[in-house]
N, C-alpha and C. Protein backbone atom coordinates (compact mmCIF):
# COMPACT_ATOMS: atom_id res chain seq x y z
N MET A 1 -6.73 -15.86 5.92
CA MET A 1 -8.00 -15.31 6.35
C MET A 1 -7.81 -14.20 7.37
N ASN A 2 -6.84 -14.37 8.26
CA ASN A 2 -6.58 -13.38 9.29
C ASN A 2 -6.15 -12.04 8.68
N ARG A 3 -5.37 -12.09 7.60
CA ARG A 3 -4.93 -10.88 6.93
C ARG A 3 -6.12 -10.15 6.30
N LEU A 4 -7.05 -10.89 5.73
CA LEU A 4 -8.24 -10.29 5.13
C LEU A 4 -9.09 -9.59 6.20
N VAL A 5 -9.25 -10.21 7.34
CA VAL A 5 -10.01 -9.59 8.43
C VAL A 5 -9.32 -8.31 8.89
N GLY A 6 -7.99 -8.32 8.93
CA GLY A 6 -7.24 -7.12 9.30
C GLY A 6 -7.45 -5.99 8.31
N TRP A 7 -7.47 -6.34 7.02
CA TRP A 7 -7.70 -5.33 5.99
C TRP A 7 -9.10 -4.74 6.11
N VAL A 8 -10.08 -5.58 6.36
CA VAL A 8 -11.46 -5.11 6.49
C VAL A 8 -11.58 -4.19 7.71
N ARG A 9 -10.97 -4.60 8.83
CA ARG A 9 -11.01 -3.76 10.03
C ARG A 9 -10.36 -2.41 9.78
N THR A 10 -9.22 -2.42 9.10
CA THR A 10 -8.52 -1.17 8.79
C THR A 10 -9.38 -0.30 7.88
N ALA A 11 -10.01 -0.88 6.89
CA ALA A 11 -10.87 -0.12 5.97
C ALA A 11 -12.04 0.50 6.73
N LEU A 12 -12.67 -0.27 7.60
CA LEU A 12 -13.79 0.26 8.38
C LEU A 12 -13.33 1.35 9.34
N ARG A 13 -12.17 1.18 9.94
CA ARG A 13 -11.63 2.20 10.84
C ARG A 13 -11.35 3.50 10.08
N GLU A 14 -10.79 3.40 8.88
CA GLU A 14 -10.50 4.59 8.08
C GLU A 14 -11.78 5.28 7.62
N ILE A 15 -12.78 4.51 7.24
CA ILE A 15 -14.05 5.09 6.83
C ILE A 15 -14.69 5.81 8.01
N TRP A 16 -14.66 5.19 9.19
CA TRP A 16 -15.22 5.83 10.38
C TRP A 16 -14.47 7.12 10.70
N ALA A 17 -13.14 7.10 10.58
CA ALA A 17 -12.34 8.31 10.84
C ALA A 17 -12.70 9.41 9.85
N LEU A 18 -12.94 9.05 8.61
CA LEU A 18 -13.32 10.04 7.61
C LEU A 18 -14.67 10.66 7.96
N VAL A 19 -15.61 9.83 8.37
CA VAL A 19 -16.94 10.34 8.72
C VAL A 19 -16.86 11.25 9.94
N VAL A 20 -16.06 10.88 10.92
CA VAL A 20 -15.94 11.68 12.14
C VAL A 20 -15.17 12.97 11.88
N ASP A 21 -14.06 12.87 11.16
CA ASP A 21 -13.21 14.04 10.92
C ASP A 21 -13.82 15.02 9.93
N ASP A 22 -14.32 14.53 8.82
CA ASP A 22 -14.86 15.41 7.79
C ASP A 22 -16.10 14.75 7.18
N TRP A 23 -17.21 14.88 7.88
CA TRP A 23 -18.41 14.19 7.44
C TRP A 23 -18.96 14.77 6.15
N ILE A 24 -18.70 16.03 5.87
CA ILE A 24 -19.19 16.61 4.62
C ILE A 24 -18.49 15.96 3.42
N LEU A 25 -17.19 15.71 3.55
CA LEU A 25 -16.46 15.02 2.48
C LEU A 25 -17.00 13.60 2.30
N ALA A 26 -17.27 12.92 3.39
CA ALA A 26 -17.79 11.56 3.31
C ALA A 26 -19.15 11.53 2.62
N VAL A 27 -20.03 12.43 3.02
CA VAL A 27 -21.38 12.47 2.44
C VAL A 27 -21.33 12.86 0.97
N SER A 28 -20.49 13.84 0.63
CA SER A 28 -20.41 14.26 -0.77
C SER A 28 -19.77 13.18 -1.64
N SER A 29 -18.84 12.42 -1.08
CA SER A 29 -18.26 11.30 -1.84
C SER A 29 -19.30 10.22 -2.09
N LEU A 30 -20.11 9.91 -1.09
CA LEU A 30 -21.18 8.94 -1.29
C LEU A 30 -22.22 9.45 -2.27
N ALA A 31 -22.51 10.75 -2.23
CA ALA A 31 -23.44 11.33 -3.19
C ALA A 31 -22.87 11.25 -4.61
N ALA A 32 -21.57 11.46 -4.74
CA ALA A 32 -20.93 11.35 -6.06
C ALA A 32 -21.04 9.93 -6.59
N ILE A 33 -20.83 8.96 -5.72
CA ILE A 33 -20.95 7.56 -6.15
C ILE A 33 -22.39 7.26 -6.53
N GLY A 34 -23.35 7.75 -5.75
CA GLY A 34 -24.77 7.53 -6.07
C GLY A 34 -25.17 8.18 -7.38
N ALA A 35 -24.72 9.41 -7.60
CA ALA A 35 -25.05 10.10 -8.85
C ALA A 35 -24.43 9.38 -10.04
N THR A 36 -23.21 8.92 -9.87
CA THR A 36 -22.54 8.20 -10.95
C THR A 36 -23.28 6.89 -11.24
N PHE A 37 -23.72 6.21 -10.20
CA PHE A 37 -24.48 4.97 -10.39
C PHE A 37 -25.77 5.26 -11.15
N ALA A 38 -26.46 6.33 -10.78
CA ALA A 38 -27.72 6.67 -11.45
C ALA A 38 -27.48 6.98 -12.92
N VAL A 39 -26.41 7.70 -13.22
CA VAL A 39 -26.10 8.03 -14.61
C VAL A 39 -25.70 6.78 -15.37
N SER A 40 -25.01 5.85 -14.69
CA SER A 40 -24.57 4.64 -15.38
C SER A 40 -25.74 3.73 -15.77
N ARG A 41 -26.88 3.90 -15.12
CA ARG A 41 -28.06 3.09 -15.45
C ARG A 41 -28.73 3.58 -16.73
N ILE A 42 -28.39 4.77 -17.20
CA ILE A 42 -28.94 5.28 -18.46
C ILE A 42 -28.32 4.47 -19.59
N ASP A 43 -29.15 3.93 -20.44
CA ASP A 43 -28.67 3.07 -21.52
C ASP A 43 -28.46 3.91 -22.78
N ALA A 44 -27.37 4.66 -22.80
CA ALA A 44 -27.06 5.49 -23.96
C ALA A 44 -25.66 5.13 -24.47
N VAL A 45 -25.45 5.34 -25.74
CA VAL A 45 -24.16 5.05 -26.34
C VAL A 45 -23.12 6.02 -25.78
N GLY A 46 -22.01 5.49 -25.29
CA GLY A 46 -20.94 6.32 -24.77
C GLY A 46 -21.14 6.79 -23.34
N SER A 47 -22.19 6.31 -22.69
CA SER A 47 -22.43 6.78 -21.32
C SER A 47 -21.42 6.20 -20.34
N GLY A 48 -20.79 5.10 -20.66
CA GLY A 48 -19.78 4.52 -19.78
C GLY A 48 -18.59 5.43 -19.62
N ASN A 49 -18.13 6.02 -20.72
CA ASN A 49 -17.00 6.94 -20.66
C ASN A 49 -17.38 8.21 -19.90
N ALA A 50 -18.58 8.71 -20.14
CA ALA A 50 -19.04 9.91 -19.44
C ALA A 50 -19.23 9.65 -17.95
N THR A 51 -19.63 8.45 -17.59
CA THR A 51 -19.83 8.11 -16.19
C THR A 51 -18.52 8.15 -15.43
N GLY A 52 -17.47 7.65 -16.01
CA GLY A 52 -16.15 7.69 -15.36
C GLY A 52 -15.69 9.11 -15.14
N TRP A 53 -15.84 9.95 -16.13
CA TRP A 53 -15.43 11.35 -15.99
C TRP A 53 -16.30 12.10 -15.00
N LEU A 54 -17.57 11.74 -14.94
CA LEU A 54 -18.46 12.36 -13.96
C LEU A 54 -18.01 12.02 -12.54
N LEU A 55 -17.66 10.77 -12.30
CA LEU A 55 -17.20 10.37 -10.98
C LEU A 55 -15.92 11.12 -10.61
N VAL A 56 -14.99 11.21 -11.53
CA VAL A 56 -13.74 11.94 -11.27
C VAL A 56 -14.03 13.40 -10.95
N ALA A 57 -14.88 14.03 -11.74
CA ALA A 57 -15.20 15.45 -11.52
C ALA A 57 -15.88 15.68 -10.18
N LEU A 58 -16.82 14.83 -9.82
CA LEU A 58 -17.52 15.00 -8.56
C LEU A 58 -16.61 14.77 -7.35
N VAL A 59 -15.76 13.76 -7.41
CA VAL A 59 -14.84 13.50 -6.29
C VAL A 59 -13.81 14.60 -6.17
N VAL A 60 -13.27 15.08 -7.29
CA VAL A 60 -12.30 16.18 -7.23
C VAL A 60 -12.96 17.43 -6.67
N THR A 61 -14.20 17.69 -7.05
CA THR A 61 -14.92 18.84 -6.51
C THR A 61 -15.14 18.70 -5.00
N ALA A 62 -15.50 17.51 -4.55
CA ALA A 62 -15.71 17.28 -3.12
C ALA A 62 -14.43 17.47 -2.33
N VAL A 63 -13.33 16.95 -2.84
CA VAL A 63 -12.05 17.10 -2.15
C VAL A 63 -11.60 18.55 -2.15
N ALA A 64 -11.77 19.25 -3.27
CA ALA A 64 -11.37 20.66 -3.33
C ALA A 64 -12.19 21.50 -2.35
N ALA A 65 -13.48 21.23 -2.24
CA ALA A 65 -14.31 21.97 -1.28
C ALA A 65 -13.87 21.68 0.15
N SER A 66 -13.52 20.44 0.42
CA SER A 66 -13.07 20.07 1.77
C SER A 66 -11.75 20.74 2.11
N VAL A 67 -10.83 20.76 1.17
CA VAL A 67 -9.54 21.43 1.39
C VAL A 67 -9.75 22.92 1.59
N ARG A 68 -10.63 23.51 0.82
CA ARG A 68 -10.91 24.95 0.95
C ARG A 68 -11.47 25.27 2.33
N ARG A 69 -12.39 24.43 2.82
CA ARG A 69 -12.94 24.62 4.16
C ARG A 69 -11.87 24.47 5.23
N ALA A 70 -10.98 23.51 5.07
CA ALA A 70 -9.91 23.29 6.04
C ALA A 70 -8.95 24.45 6.08
N VAL A 71 -8.60 24.98 4.92
CA VAL A 71 -7.68 26.12 4.86
C VAL A 71 -8.35 27.36 5.46
N ALA A 72 -9.61 27.58 5.15
CA ALA A 72 -10.32 28.74 5.70
C ALA A 72 -10.42 28.64 7.22
N ALA A 73 -10.66 27.43 7.74
CA ALA A 73 -10.73 27.25 9.19
C ALA A 73 -9.37 27.49 9.84
N ARG A 74 -8.34 27.11 9.18
CA ARG A 74 -6.98 27.27 9.72
C ARG A 74 -6.56 28.75 9.72
N LEU A 75 -7.02 29.51 8.74
CA LEU A 75 -6.62 30.91 8.62
C LEU A 75 -7.47 31.85 9.45
N ARG A 76 -8.55 31.35 10.07
CA ARG A 76 -9.39 32.21 10.91
C ARG A 76 -8.60 32.71 12.11
N PRO A 77 -8.78 33.98 12.43
CA PRO A 77 -8.08 34.50 13.61
C PRO A 77 -8.56 33.82 14.88
N GLY A 78 -7.66 33.70 15.83
CA GLY A 78 -8.00 33.09 17.10
C GLY A 78 -7.83 31.59 17.14
N ARG A 79 -7.26 31.04 16.10
CA ARG A 79 -7.04 29.60 16.07
C ARG A 79 -5.63 29.25 16.26
């Protein structure tokens, strides 16, 4: 039980660090999960496969945008 509590604390600490360090990435990741959930509620044939790919595409887009912002901030003069 003690190990499980440690894992939960670590997970919460990492999530908090993500929100503090890069809140746009955190919000866009949650939006991607929400959009994927909404699409998964559509009862269409083959929507399960499309939902997985939608989640991957949205998360990759969020991470790419975050990396682009970080690189642009690093390359700004005076930093």
